[in-house]
Amino acid sequence: MNVTADAVNDYLARDASEDELDRYMEVAQERRGLLATAGMAAIREGAAVALGKMSPSYLTGLTGTVVHTEWAGRRLATIQFDEKSTAVLRANGRAPEGATRHIMTGMPISACLPQ
């Protein structure tokens, strides 16, 4: 029998008990952890990335290339941002006027999404 994601979603929405929903949430969190670990493993020098949810919020969605990774209590990346993202950084006072590409250090790899 082939079970589809739609069938599972329908079951969860209509028929699942509280215990089944609790177990589903546990499994979903475990799966998210595995996906995050796999995604972080893909972040190496030369990888194209987009920043996920970041603070300050203007960093969210910026794109560029990883030029260096390091361990400083956690995995960090140095990213060279593309022209569009550098324009956002300039507008927020984080890149010098006239810069078309900007490098930032200390970006958490956990926030880097492979592109």
Protein backbone atom coordinates (compact mmCIF):
# COMPACT_ATOMS: atom_id res chain seq x y z
CA MET A 1 0.00 0.00 0.00
CA ASN A 2 1.37 3.40 -0.99
CA VAL A 3 0.49 6.12 1.55
CA THR A 4 0.63 9.69 0.26
CA ALA A 5 1.47 12.85 2.20
CA ASP A 6 -2.06 14.09 1.43
CA ALA A 7 -3.56 10.98 3.05
CA VAL A 8 -1.41 11.47 6.15
CA ASN A 9 -2.35 15.16 6.35
CA ASP A 10 -6.05 14.29 5.99
CA TYR A 11 -5.78 11.70 8.75
CA LEU A 12 -3.98 14.14 11.06
CA ALA A 13 -6.50 16.90 10.36
CA ARG A 14 -9.59 14.77 10.87
CA ASP A 15 -8.96 11.58 12.81
CA ALA A 16 -5.73 11.66 14.83
CA SER A 17 -5.95 11.43 18.61
CA GLU A 18 -4.02 13.75 20.91
CA ASP A 19 -1.47 10.99 21.56
CA GLU A 20 -1.01 10.45 17.82
CA LEU A 21 -0.58 14.20 17.28
CA ASP A 22 2.00 14.37 20.09
CA ARG A 23 3.97 11.52 18.49
CA TYR A 24 3.67 13.18 15.09
CA MET A 25 5.15 16.39 16.54
CA GLU A 26 8.06 14.43 18.06
CA VAL A 27 8.78 12.70 14.75
CA ALA A 28 8.51 16.01 12.85
CA GLN A 29 10.99 17.68 15.23
CA GLU A 30 13.42 14.77 14.84
CA ARG A 31 13.11 15.01 11.05
CA ARG A 32 13.70 18.78 11.11
CA GLY A 33 16.84 18.18 13.15
CA LEU A 34 18.12 15.65 10.62
CA LEU A 35 17.39 18.00 7.72
CA ALA A 36 19.13 20.89 9.50
CA THR A 37 22.19 18.74 10.19
CA ALA A 38 22.31 17.60 6.55
CA GLY A 39 21.91 21.18 5.35
CA MET A 40 24.66 22.46 7.65
CA ALA A 41 26.98 19.69 6.42
CA ALA A 42 26.55 21.05 2.88
CA ILE A 43 27.85 24.47 3.92
CA ARG A 44 31.47 24.50 2.79
CA GLU A 45 33.76 27.00 1.14
CA GLY A 46 32.36 27.83 -2.29
CA ALA A 47 28.78 26.94 -1.38
CA ALA A 48 26.02 29.31 -2.49
CA VAL A 49 23.80 30.18 0.48
CA ALA A 50 20.86 32.29 1.57
CA LEU A 51 20.49 33.42 5.14
CA GLY A 52 17.48 32.03 6.98
CA LYS A 53 15.77 33.79 9.86
CA MET A 54 18.28 36.29 11.22
CA SER A 55 18.46 39.26 13.52
CA PRO A 56 18.50 42.02 12.45
CA SER A 57 15.72 41.03 10.08
CA TYR A 58 17.20 42.75 7.01
CA LEU A 59 19.80 39.94 6.93
CA THR A 60 17.10 37.33 6.33
CA GLY A 61 17.12 36.22 2.70
CA LEU A 62 20.48 37.74 1.74
CA THR A 63 22.47 35.56 -0.66
CA GLY A 64 26.13 34.98 -1.35
CA THR A 65 29.00 32.52 -1.37
CA VAL A 66 30.80 31.01 1.61
CA VAL A 67 34.47 31.97 1.43
CA HIS A 68 35.58 30.51 4.78
CA THR A 69 34.26 28.40 7.66
CA GLU A 70 35.61 28.11 11.17
CA TRP A 71 34.82 26.77 14.60
CA ALA A 72 34.51 29.37 17.36
CA GLY A 73 32.39 27.48 19.87
CA ARG A 74 30.01 26.88 16.96
CA ARG A 75 30.41 26.72 13.19
CA LEU A 76 30.65 30.15 11.60
CA ALA A 77 30.92 31.27 7.99
CA THR A 78 32.45 34.20 6.20
CA ILE A 79 30.16 35.11 3.31
CA GLN A 80 30.76 37.24 0.25
CA PHE A 81 27.36 38.69 -0.55
CA ASP A 82 26.19 39.17 -4.14
CA GLU A 83 25.39 42.58 -5.62
CA LYS A 84 21.69 42.60 -4.69
CA SER A 85 22.41 41.62 -1.08
CA THR A 86 25.29 44.08 -0.85
CA ALA A 87 22.84 46.83 -1.87
CA VAL A 88 20.64 45.83 1.10
CA LEU A 89 23.67 45.91 3.40
CA ARG A 90 24.65 49.37 2.06
CA ALA A 91 21.12 50.66 2.67
CA ASN A 92 21.39 49.48 6.28
CA GLY A 93 24.85 50.96 6.84
CA ARG A 94 26.62 47.59 6.88
CA ALA A 95 28.57 47.92 3.62
CA PRO A 96 30.59 50.89 2.34
CA GLU A 97 29.12 53.21 -0.27
CA GLY A 98 30.01 52.08 -3.76
CA ALA A 99 30.67 48.45 -2.74
CA THR A 100 29.18 45.93 -5.16
CA ARG A 101 30.14 42.85 -3.11
CA HIS A 102 30.64 42.77 0.63
CA ILE A 103 32.19 40.18 2.94
CA MET A 104 30.89 39.54 6.45
CA THR A 105 32.40 37.21 9.02
CA GLY A 106 30.82 35.38 11.94
CA MET A 107 27.60 34.30 10.25
CA PRO A 108 26.19 31.21 12.00
CA ILE A 109 26.19 28.21 9.68
CA SER A 110 22.92 27.12 11.28
CA ALA A 111 21.32 30.14 9.54
CA CYS A 112 22.84 29.36 6.13
CA LEU A 113 20.55 27.59 3.68
CA PRO A 114 22.18 25.87 0.71
CA GLN A 115 21.04 27.25 -2.66
